[in-house]
């Protein structure tokens, strides 16, 4: 199963000490560069072997999505489309449409 995630759900699971639950459920999660940047802002370390970082190729789609979403959400959606993800984990209502 191919799973892509935005930063908000990862941060939420991490804050409650349940980040490993995502590993148990999905095995591997892919995040775009912008999400990695959000997770590591201010020198915070966020590294789990089962979370893989991948760049987005379709910069035009990211630009279009940025009109209504932030960069991390836009890249997560674009990456999910690019790699034909089975699941996209995010919590923003506009991004789910």
PDB file of N, CA and C in Angstrom:
ATOM      1  N   UNK A   1       0.845  -1.169   0.000  1.00  0.00           N
ATOM      2  CA  UNK A   1       0.000   0.000   0.000  1.00  0.00           C
ATOM      3  C   UNK A   1       0.896   1.239   0.000  1.00  0.00           C
ATOM      4  N   UNK A   2       0.555   2.202  -0.839  1.00  0.00           N
ATOM      5  CA  UNK A   2       1.319   3.450  -0.923  1.00  0.00           C
ATOM      6  C   UNK A   2       0.560   4.530  -0.155  1.00  0.00           C
ATOM      7  N   UNK A   3       1.246   5.127   0.828  1.00  0.00           N
ATOM      8  CA  UNK A   3       0.624   6.125   1.698  1.00  0.00           C
ATOM      9  C   UNK A   3       1.465   7.394   1.702  1.00  0.00           C
ATOM     10  N   UNK A   4       0.800   8.535   1.511  1.00  0.00           N
ATOM     11  CA  UNK A   4       1.440   9.852   1.575  1.00  0.00           C
ATOM     12  C   UNK A   4       0.784  10.610   2.726  1.00  0.00           C
ATOM     13  N   UNK A   5       1.581  11.421   3.438  1.00  0.00           N
ATOM     14  CA  UNK A   5       1.025  12.171   4.573  1.00  0.00           C
ATOM     15  C   UNK A   5       1.438  13.632   4.544  1.00  0.00           C
ATOM     16  N   UNK A   6       0.553  14.462   5.051  1.00  0.00           N
ATOM     17  CA  UNK A   6       0.827  15.867   5.328  1.00  0.00           C
ATOM     18  C   UNK A   6       1.393  15.938   6.749  1.00  0.00           C
ATOM     19  N   UNK A   7       1.920  17.076   7.125  1.00  0.00           N
ATOM     20  CA  UNK A   7       2.590  17.193   8.427  1.00  0.00           C
ATOM     21  C   UNK A   7       1.636  17.180   9.622  1.00  0.00           C
ATOM     22  N   UNK A   8       0.468  17.779   9.509  1.00  0.00           N
ATOM     23  CA  UNK A   8      -0.427  17.920  10.668  1.00  0.00           C
ATOM     24  C   UNK A   8      -0.765  16.592  11.347  1.00  0.00           C
ATOM     25  N   UNK A   9      -1.179  15.568  10.612  1.00  0.00           N
ATOM     26  CA  UNK A   9      -1.461  14.295  11.280  1.00  0.00           C
ATOM     27  C   UNK A   9      -0.218  13.674  11.922  1.00  0.00           C
ATOM     28  N   UNK A  10       0.928  13.806  11.279  1.00  0.00           N
ATOM     29  CA  UNK A  10       2.158  13.257  11.850  1.00  0.00           C
ATOM     30  C   UNK A  10       2.515  13.963  13.152  1.00  0.00           C
ATOM     31  N   UNK A  11       2.364  15.283  13.157  1.00  0.00           N
ATOM     32  CA  UNK A  11       2.641  16.059  14.367  1.00  0.00           C
ATOM     33  C   UNK A  11       1.656  15.685  15.477  1.00  0.00           C
ATOM     34  N   UNK A  12       0.385  15.550  15.122  1.00  0.00           N
ATOM     35  CA  UNK A  12      -0.636  15.213  16.119  1.00  0.00           C
ATOM     36  C   UNK A  12      -0.361  13.849  16.754  1.00  0.00           C
ATOM     37  N   UNK A  13      -0.060  12.849  15.928  1.00  0.00           N
ATOM     38  CA  UNK A  13       0.237  11.518  16.469  1.00  0.00           C
ATOM     39  C   UNK A  13       1.505  11.543  17.316  1.00  0.00           C
ATOM     40  N   UNK A  14       2.474  12.335  16.900  1.00  0.00           N
ATOM     41  CA  UNK A  14       3.727  12.441  17.644  1.00  0.00           C
ATOM     42  C   UNK A  14       3.501  13.082  19.014  1.00  0.00           C
ATOM     43  N   UNK A  15       2.680  14.122  19.056  1.00  0.00           N
ATOM     44  CA  UNK A  15       2.417  14.833  20.315  1.00  0.00           C
ATOM     45  C   UNK A  15       1.743  13.959  21.362  1.00  0.00           C
ATOM     46  N   UNK A  16       0.930  13.026  20.910  1.00  0.00           N
ATOM     47  CA  UNK A  16       0.252  12.150  21.877  1.00  0.00           C
ATOM     48  C   UNK A  16       1.012  10.837  22.086  1.00  0.00           C
ATOM     49  N   UNK A  17       2.208  10.766  21.519  1.00  0.00           N
ATOM     50  CA  UNK A  17       3.043   9.586  21.719  1.00  0.00           C
ATOM     51  C   UNK A  17       2.587   8.353  20.974  1.00  0.00           C
ATOM     52  N   UNK A  18       1.855   8.554  19.879  1.00  0.00           N
ATOM     53  CA  UNK A  18       1.303   7.424  19.124  1.00  0.00           C
ATOM     54  C   UNK A  18       1.786   7.387  17.675  1.00  0.00           C
ATOM     55  N   UNK A  19       2.908   8.022  17.372  1.00  0.00           N
ATOM     56  CA  UNK A  19       3.408   8.058  16.000  1.00  0.00           C
ATOM     57  C   UNK A  19       3.666   6.652  15.460  1.00  0.00           C
ATOM     58  N   UNK A  20       4.069   5.727  16.334  1.00  0.00           N
ATOM     59  CA  UNK A  20       4.353   4.367  15.882  1.00  0.00           C
ATOM     60  C   UNK A  20       3.098   3.617  15.441  1.00  0.00           C
ATOM     61  N   UNK A  21       1.935   4.110  15.834  1.00  0.00           N
ATOM     62  CA  UNK A  21       0.686   3.507  15.380  1.00  0.00           C
ATOM     63  C   UNK A  21       0.577   3.593  13.857  1.00  0.00           C
ATOM     64  N   UNK A  22       1.056   4.703  13.280  1.00  0.00           N
ATOM     65  CA  UNK A  22       1.023   4.847  11.821  1.00  0.00           C
ATOM     66  C   UNK A  22       1.929   3.817  11.151  1.00  0.00           C
ATOM     67  N   UNK A  23       3.058   3.535  11.759  1.00  0.00           N
ATOM     68  CA  UNK A  23       3.954   2.495  11.254  1.00  0.00           C
ATOM     69  C   UNK A  23       3.253   1.142  11.298  1.00  0.00           C
ATOM     70  N   UNK A  24       2.575   0.863  12.401  1.00  0.00           N
ATOM     71  CA  UNK A  24       1.863  -0.406  12.537  1.00  0.00           C
ATOM     72  C   UNK A  24       0.747  -0.538  11.505  1.00  0.00           C
ATOM     73  N   UNK A  25       0.066   0.566  11.220  1.00  0.00           N
ATOM     74  CA  UNK A  25      -1.049   0.536  10.271  1.00  0.00           C
ATOM     75  C   UNK A  25      -0.600   0.464   8.817  1.00  0.00           C
ATOM     76  N   UNK A  26       0.443   1.236   8.471  1.00  0.00           N
ATOM     77  CA  UNK A  26       0.793   1.401   7.066  1.00  0.00           C
ATOM     78  C   UNK A  26       2.171   0.875   6.679  1.00  0.00           C
ATOM     79  N   UNK A  27       3.046   0.657   7.627  1.00  0.00           N
ATOM     80  CA  UNK A  27       4.379   0.144   7.308  1.00  0.00           C
ATOM     81  C   UNK A  27       5.333   1.206   6.820  1.00  0.00           C
ATOM     82  N   UNK A  28       4.965   1.909   5.788  1.00  0.00           N
ATOM     83  CA  UNK A  28       5.806   2.982   5.252  1.00  0.00           C
ATOM     84  C   UNK A  28       4.922   4.139   4.820  1.00  0.00           C
ATOM     85  N   UNK A  29       5.371   5.352   5.125  1.00  0.00           N
ATOM     86  CA  UNK A  29       4.668   6.564   4.710  1.00  0.00           C
ATOM     87  C   UNK A  29       5.659   7.435   3.959  1.00  0.00           C
ATOM     88  N   UNK A  30       5.205   8.002   2.856  1.00  0.00           N
ATOM     89  CA  UNK A  30       6.037   8.898   2.056  1.00  0.00           C
ATOM     90  C   UNK A  30       5.580  10.332   2.293  1.00  0.00           C
ATOM     91  N   UNK A  31       6.550  11.225   2.469  1.00  0.00           N
ATOM     92  CA  UNK A  31       6.237  12.642   2.645  1.00  0.00           C
ATOM     93  C   UNK A  31       7.017  13.460   1.619  1.00  0.00           C
ATOM     94  N   UNK A  32       6.422  14.551   1.131  1.00  0.00           N
ATOM     95  CA  UNK A  32       7.152  15.433   0.215  1.00  0.00           C
ATOM     96  C   UNK A  32       8.127  16.326   0.984  1.00  0.00           C
ATOM     97  N   UNK A  33       9.016  16.967   0.243  1.00  0.00           N
ATOM     98  CA  UNK A  33      10.035  17.831   0.849  1.00  0.00           C
ATOM     99  C   UNK A  33       9.436  18.915   1.741  1.00  0.00           C
ATOM    100  N   UNK A  34       8.339  19.532   1.305  1.00  0.00           N
ATOM    101  CA  UNK A  34       7.735  20.613   2.093  1.00  0.00           C
ATOM    102  C   UNK A  34       7.248  20.111   3.447  1.00  0.00           C
ATOM    103  N   UNK A  35       6.717  18.909   3.482  1.00  0.00           N
ATOM    104  CA  UNK A  35       6.263  18.332   4.751  1.00  0.00           C
ATOM    105  C   UNK A  35       7.463  18.046   5.647  1.00  0.00           C
ATOM    106  N   UNK A  36       8.520  17.527   5.072  1.00  0.00           N
ATOM    107  CA  UNK A  36       9.747  17.305   5.848  1.00  0.00           C
ATOM    108  C   UNK A  36      10.236  18.624   6.448  1.00  0.00           C
ATOM    109  N   UNK A  37      10.226  19.672   5.627  1.00  0.00           N
ATOM    110  CA  UNK A  37      10.658  20.990   6.109  1.00  0.00           C
ATOM    111  C   UNK A  37       9.795  21.463   7.277  1.00  0.00           C
ATOM    112  N   UNK A  38       8.473  21.261   7.180  1.00  0.00           N
ATOM    113  CA  UNK A  38       7.568  21.661   8.258  1.00  0.00           C
ATOM    114  C   UNK A  38       7.847  20.862   9.532  1.00  0.00           C
ATOM    115  N   UNK A  39       8.147  19.593   9.376  1.00  0.00           N
ATOM    116  CA  UNK A  39       8.394  18.727  10.532  1.00  0.00           C
ATOM    117  C   UNK A  39       9.707  19.043  11.235  1.00  0.00           C
ATOM    118  N   UNK A  40      10.655  19.596  10.498  1.00  0.00           N
ATOM    119  CA  UNK A  40      11.985  19.842  11.069  1.00  0.00           C
ATOM    120  C   UNK A  40      12.282  21.325  11.284  1.00  0.00           C
ATOM    121  N   UNK A  41      11.267  22.176  11.203  1.00  0.00           N
ATOM    122  CA  UNK A  41      11.441  23.611  11.417  1.00  0.00           C
ATOM    123  C   UNK A  41      11.969  23.878  12.823  1.00  0.00           C
ATOM    124  N   UNK A  42      12.872  24.811  12.920  1.00  0.00           N
ATOM    125  CA  UNK A  42      13.408  25.200  14.222  1.00  0.00           C
ATOM    126  C   UNK A  42      14.358  24.187  14.829  1.00  0.00           C
ATOM    127  N   UNK A  43      14.924  23.338  13.988  1.00  0.00           N
ATOM    128  CA  UNK A  43      15.903  22.378  14.473  1.00  0.00           C
ATOM    129  C   UNK A  43      15.317  21.131  15.110  1.00  0.00           C
ATOM    130  N   UNK A  44      13.994  20.978  15.043  1.00  0.00           N
ATOM    131  CA  UNK A  44      13.374  19.766  15.576  1.00  0.00           C
ATOM    132  C   UNK A  44      13.799  18.565  14.744  1.00  0.00           C
ATOM    133  N   UNK A  45      14.035  17.462  15.410  1.00  0.00           N
ATOM    134  CA  UNK A  45      14.391  16.235  14.700  1.00  0.00           C
ATOM    135  C   UNK A  45      13.140  15.389  14.552  1.00  0.00           C
ATOM    136  N   UNK A  46      12.911  14.926  13.358  1.00  0.00           N
ATOM    137  CA  UNK A  46      11.759  14.076  13.088  1.00  0.00           C
ATOM    138  C   UNK A  46      12.237  13.007  12.125  1.00  0.00           C
ATOM    139  N   UNK A  47      12.725  11.924  12.668  1.00  0.00           N
ATOM    140  CA  UNK A  47      13.223  10.870  11.788  1.00  0.00           C
ATOM    141  C   UNK A  47      12.735   9.513  12.272  1.00  0.00           C
ATOM    142  N   UNK A  48      12.101   8.843  11.384  1.00  0.00           N
ATOM    143  CA  UNK A  48      11.630   7.482  11.603  1.00  0.00           C
ATOM    144  C   UNK A  48      11.966   6.733  10.320  1.00  0.00           C
ATOM    145  N   UNK A  49      12.555   5.566  10.443  1.00  0.00           N
ATOM    146  CA  UNK A  49      12.980   4.811   9.269  1.00  0.00           C
ATOM    147  C   UNK A  49      11.863   4.456   8.313  1.00  0.00           C
ATOM    148  N   UNK A  50      10.656   4.432   8.793  1.00  0.00           N
ATOM    149  CA  UNK A  50       9.515   4.057   7.959  1.00  0.00           C
ATOM    150  C   UNK A  50       8.858   5.268   7.284  1.00  0.00           C
ATOM    151  N   UNK A  51       9.356   6.477   7.568  1.00  0.00           N
ATOM    152  CA  UNK A  51       8.885   7.682   6.878  1.00  0.00           C
ATOM    153  C   UNK A  51       9.928   8.057   5.839  1.00  0.00           C
ATOM    154  N   UNK A  52       9.531   8.012   4.572  1.00  0.00           N
ATOM    155  CA  UNK A  52      10.436   8.272   3.455  1.00  0.00           C
ATOM    156  C   UNK A  52      10.133   9.629   2.826  1.00  0.00           C
ATOM    157  N   UNK A  53      11.167  10.340   2.480  1.00  0.00           N
ATOM    158  CA  UNK A  53      11.050  11.667   1.854  1.00  0.00           C
ATOM    159  C   UNK A  53      11.206  11.532   0.343  1.00  0.00           C
ATOM    160  N   UNK A  54      10.322  12.220  -0.405  1.00  0.00           N
ATOM    161  CA  UNK A  54      10.381  12.166  -1.869  1.00  0.00           C
ATOM    162  C   UNK A  54       9.996  13.527  -2.436  1.00  0.00           C
ATOM    163  N   UNK A  55      10.746  13.987  -3.412  1.00  0.00           N
ATOM    164  CA  UNK A  55      10.444  15.259  -4.061  1.00  0.00           C
ATOM    165  C   UNK A  55       9.270  15.148  -5.019  1.00  0.00           C
ATOM    166  N   UNK A  56       8.593  16.261  -5.223  1.00  0.00           N
ATOM    167  CA  UNK A  56       7.466  16.332  -6.155  1.00  0.00           C
ATOM    168  C   UNK A  56       7.976  16.827  -7.500  1.00  0.00           C
ATOM    169  N   UNK A  57       7.558  16.176  -8.568  1.00  0.00           N
ATOM    170  CA  UNK A  57       7.975  16.578  -9.912  1.00  0.00           C
ATOM    171  C   UNK A  57       7.053  17.621 -10.536  1.00  0.00           C
ATOM    172  N   UNK A  58       5.749  17.522 -10.278  1.00  0.00           N
ATOM    173  CA  UNK A  58       4.769  18.392 -10.938  1.00  0.00           C
ATOM    174  C   UNK A  58       4.642  19.726 -10.196  1.00  0.00           C
ATOM    175  N   UNK A  59       5.573  20.618 -10.471  1.00  0.00           N
ATOM    176  CA  UNK A  59       5.584  21.928  -9.800  1.00  0.00           C
ATOM    177  C   UNK A  59       4.385  22.783 -10.204  1.00  0.00           C
ATOM    178  N   UNK A  60       3.851  22.579 -11.419  1.00  0.00           N
ATOM    179  CA  UNK A  60       2.672  23.338 -11.856  1.00  0.00           C
ATOM    180  C   UNK A  60       1.457  22.997 -11.002  1.00  0.00           C
ATOM    181  N   UNK A  61       1.270  21.721 -10.720  1.00  0.00           N
ATOM    182  CA  UNK A  61       0.147  21.320  -9.874  1.00  0.00           C
ATOM    183  C   UNK A  61       0.307  21.900  -8.472  1.00  0.00           C
ATOM    184  N   UNK A  62       1.514  21.875  -7.948  1.00  0.00           N
ATOM    185  CA  UNK A  62       1.767  22.454  -6.622  1.00  0.00           C
ATOM    186  C   UNK A  62       1.408  23.935  -6.626  1.00  0.00           C
ATOM    187  N   UNK A  63       1.776  24.631  -7.679  1.00  0.00           N
ATOM    188  CA  UNK A  63       1.483  26.067  -7.786  1.00  0.00           C
ATOM    189  C   UNK A  63      -0.026  26.318  -7.806  1.00  0.00           C
ATOM    190  N   UNK A  64      -0.755  25.511  -8.545  1.00  0.00           N
ATOM    191  CA  UNK A  64      -2.215  25.645  -8.609  1.00  0.00           C
ATOM    192  C   UNK A  64      -2.836  25.385  -7.233  1.00  0.00           C
ATOM    193  N   UNK A  65      -2.399  24.328  -6.588  1.00  0.00           N
ATOM    194  CA  UNK A  65      -2.941  23.982  -5.272  1.00  0.00           C
ATOM    195  C   UNK A  65      -2.594  25.021  -4.214  1.00  0.00           C
ATOM    196  N   UNK A  66      -1.454  25.687  -4.381  1.00  0.00           N
ATOM    197  CA  UNK A  66      -1.027  26.713  -3.422  1.00  0.00           C
ATOM    198  C   UNK A  66      -1.983  27.898  -3.352  1.00  0.00           C
ATOM    199  N   UNK A  67      -2.862  28.031  -4.337  1.00  0.00           N
ATOM    200  CA  UNK A  67      -3.834  29.123  -4.313  1.00  0.00           C
ATOM    201  C   UNK A  67      -4.779  28.991  -3.114  1.00  0.00           C
ATOM    202  N   UNK A  68      -5.032  27.751  -2.666  1.00  0.00           N
ATOM    203  CA  UNK A  68      -5.964  27.539  -1.556  1.00  0.00           C
ATOM    204  C   UNK A  68      -5.366  26.778  -0.379  1.00  0.00           C
ATOM    205  N   UNK A  69      -4.201  26.192  -0.576  1.00  0.00           N
ATOM    206  CA  UNK A  69      -3.595  25.365   0.463  1.00  0.00           C
ATOM    207  C   UNK A  69      -2.167  25.816   0.726  1.00  0.00           C
ATOM    208  N   UNK A  70      -1.608  25.394   1.852  1.00  0.00           N
ATOM    209  CA  UNK A  70      -0.205  25.732   2.090  1.00  0.00           C
ATOM    210  C   UNK A  70       0.703  24.781   1.304  1.00  0.00           C
ATOM    211  N   UNK A  71       1.991  25.072   1.326  1.00  0.00           N
ATOM    212  CA  UNK A  71       2.942  24.327   0.499  1.00  0.00           C
ATOM    213  C   UNK A  71       2.985  22.836   0.847  1.00  0.00           C
ATOM    214  N   UNK A  72       2.972  22.512   2.127  1.00  0.00           N
ATOM    215  CA  UNK A  72       3.019  21.111   2.538  1.00  0.00           C
ATOM    216  C   UNK A  72       1.818  20.327   2.048  1.00  0.00           C
ATOM    217  N   UNK A  73       0.640  20.885   2.221  1.00  0.00           N
ATOM    218  CA  UNK A  73      -0.581  20.230   1.754  1.00  0.00           C
ATOM    219  C   UNK A  73      -0.571  20.084   0.242  1.00  0.00           C
ATOM    220  N   UNK A  74      -0.162  21.145  -0.446  1.00  0.00           N
ATOM    221  CA  UNK A  74      -0.115  21.124  -1.909  1.00  0.00           C
ATOM    222  C   UNK A  74       0.831  20.047  -2.412  1.00  0.00           C
ATOM    223  N   UNK A  75       2.013  19.977  -1.808  1.00  0.00           N
ATOM    224  CA  UNK A  75       2.979  18.963  -2.233  1.00  0.00           C
ATOM    225  C   UNK A  75       2.504  17.557  -1.875  1.00  0.00           C
ATOM    226  N   UNK A  76       1.834  17.400  -0.744  1.00  0.00           N
ATOM    227  CA  UNK A  76       1.331  16.080  -0.356  1.00  0.00           C
ATOM    228  C   UNK A  76       0.299  15.581  -1.369  1.00  0.00           C
ATOM    229  N   UNK A  77      -0.605  16.455  -1.782  1.00  0.00           N
ATOM    230  CA  UNK A  77      -1.613  16.075  -2.776  1.00  0.00           C
ATOM    231  C   UNK A  77      -0.948  15.754  -4.108  1.00  0.00           C
ATOM    232  N   UNK A  78      -0.043  16.623  -4.549  1.00  0.00           N
ATOM    233  CA  UNK A  78       0.642  16.406  -5.828  1.00  0.00           C
ATOM    234  C   UNK A  78       1.436  15.101  -5.808  1.00  0.00           C
ATOM    235  N   UNK A  79       2.129  14.833  -4.712  1.00  0.00           N
ATOM    236  CA  UNK A  79       2.911  13.603  -4.611  1.00  0.00           C
ATOM    237  C   UNK A  79       2.003  12.379  -4.610  1.00  0.00           C
ATOM    238  N   UNK A  80       0.891  12.460  -3.903  1.00  0.00           N
ATOM    239  CA  UNK A  80      -0.056  11.341  -3.874  1.00  0.00           C
ATOM    240  C   UNK A  80      -0.552  11.010  -5.278  1.00  0.00           C
ATOM    241  N   UNK A  81      -0.812  12.042  -6.064  1.00  0.00           N
ATOM    242  CA  UNK A  81      -1.248  11.831  -7.447  1.00  0.00           C
ATOM    243  C   UNK A  81      -0.114  11.236  -8.269  1.00  0.00           C
ATOM    244  N   UNK A  82       1.085  11.808  -8.145  1.00  0.00           N
ATOM    245  CA  UNK A  82       2.242  11.350  -8.924  1.00  0.00           C
ATOM    246  C   UNK A  82       2.574   9.885  -8.699  1.00  0.00           C
ATOM    247  N   UNK A  83       2.553   9.461  -7.451  1.00  0.00           N
ATOM    248  CA  UNK A  83       2.967   8.081  -7.169  1.00  0.00           C
ATOM    249  C   UNK A  83       1.771   7.140  -7.027  1.00  0.00           C
ATOM    250  N   UNK A  84       0.593   7.650  -7.397  1.00  0.00           N
ATOM    251  CA  UNK A  84      -0.629   6.852  -7.374  1.00  0.00           C
ATOM    252  C   UNK A  84      -0.863   6.234  -5.991  1.00  0.00           C
ATOM    253  N   UNK A  85      -0.816   7.079  -4.975  1.00  0.00           N
ATOM    254  CA  UNK A  85      -0.975   6.614  -3.595  1.00  0.00           C
ATOM    255  C   UNK A  85      -2.365   6.042  -3.358  1.00  0.00           C
ATOM    256  N   UNK A  86      -2.414   5.051  -2.503  1.00  0.00           N
ATOM    257  CA  UNK A  86      -3.689   4.461  -2.106  1.00  0.00           C
ATOM    258  C   UNK A  86      -4.383   5.317  -1.051  1.00  0.00           C
ATOM    259  N   UNK A  87      -3.571   5.973  -0.211  1.00  0.00           N
ATOM    260  CA  UNK A  87      -4.109   6.776   0.887  1.00  0.00           C
ATOM    261  C   UNK A  87      -3.315   8.070   1.010  1.00  0.00           C
ATOM    262  N   UNK A  88      -4.031   9.160   1.247  1.00  0.00           N
ATOM    263  CA  UNK A  88      -3.419  10.447   1.571  1.00  0.00           C
ATOM    264  C   UNK A  88      -3.923  10.839   2.956  1.00  0.00           C
ATOM    265  N   UNK A  89      -3.000  10.967   3.904  1.00  0.00           N
ATOM    266  CA  UNK A  89      -3.372  11.319   5.275  1.00  0.00           C
ATOM    267  C   UNK A  89      -3.204  12.824   5.451  1.00  0.00           C
ATOM    268  N   UNK A  90      -4.319  13.514   5.659  1.00  0.00           N
ATOM    269  CA  UNK A  90      -4.286  14.955   5.914  1.00  0.00           C
ATOM    270  C   UNK A  90      -5.526  15.332   6.701  1.00  0.00           C
ATOM    271  N   UNK A  91      -5.511  16.515   7.303  1.00  0.00           N
ATOM    272  CA  UNK A  91      -6.648  16.903   8.133  1.00  0.00           C
ATOM    273  C   UNK A  91      -7.327  18.189   7.688  1.00  0.00           C
ATOM    274  N   UNK A  92      -6.881  18.785   6.617  1.00  0.00           N
ATOM    275  CA  UNK A  92      -7.456  20.045   6.168  1.00  0.00           C
ATOM    276  C   UNK A  92      -8.650  19.785   5.257  1.00  0.00           C
ATOM    277  N   UNK A  93      -9.782  20.374   5.582  1.00  0.00           N
ATOM    278  CA  UNK A  93     -10.995  20.153   4.806  1.00  0.00           C
ATOM    279  C   UNK A  93     -10.849  20.570   3.341  1.00  0.00           C
ATOM    280  N   UNK A  94     -10.288  21.744   3.018  1.00  0.00           N
ATOM    281  CA  UNK A  94     -10.157  22.106   1.599  1.00  0.00           C
ATOM    282  C   UNK A  94      -9.290  21.121   0.812  1.00  0.00           C
ATOM    283  N   UNK A  95      -8.325  20.512   1.452  1.00  0.00           N
ATOM    284  CA  UNK A  95      -7.440  19.580   0.765  1.00  0.00           C
ATOM    285  C   UNK A  95      -8.074  18.242   0.475  1.00  0.00           C
ATOM    286  N   UNK A  96      -9.180  17.947   1.137  1.00  0.00           N
ATOM    287  CA  UNK A  96      -9.811  16.643   0.944  1.00  0.00           C
ATOM    288  C   UNK A  96     -10.763  16.609  -0.241  1.00  0.00           C
ATOM    289  N   UNK A  97     -10.986  17.732  -0.852  1.00  0.00           N
ATOM    290  CA  UNK A  97     -11.926  17.781  -1.983  1.00  0.00           C
ATOM    291  C   UNK A  97     -11.284  17.381  -3.273  1.00  0.00           C
TER     292      UNK A  97
END
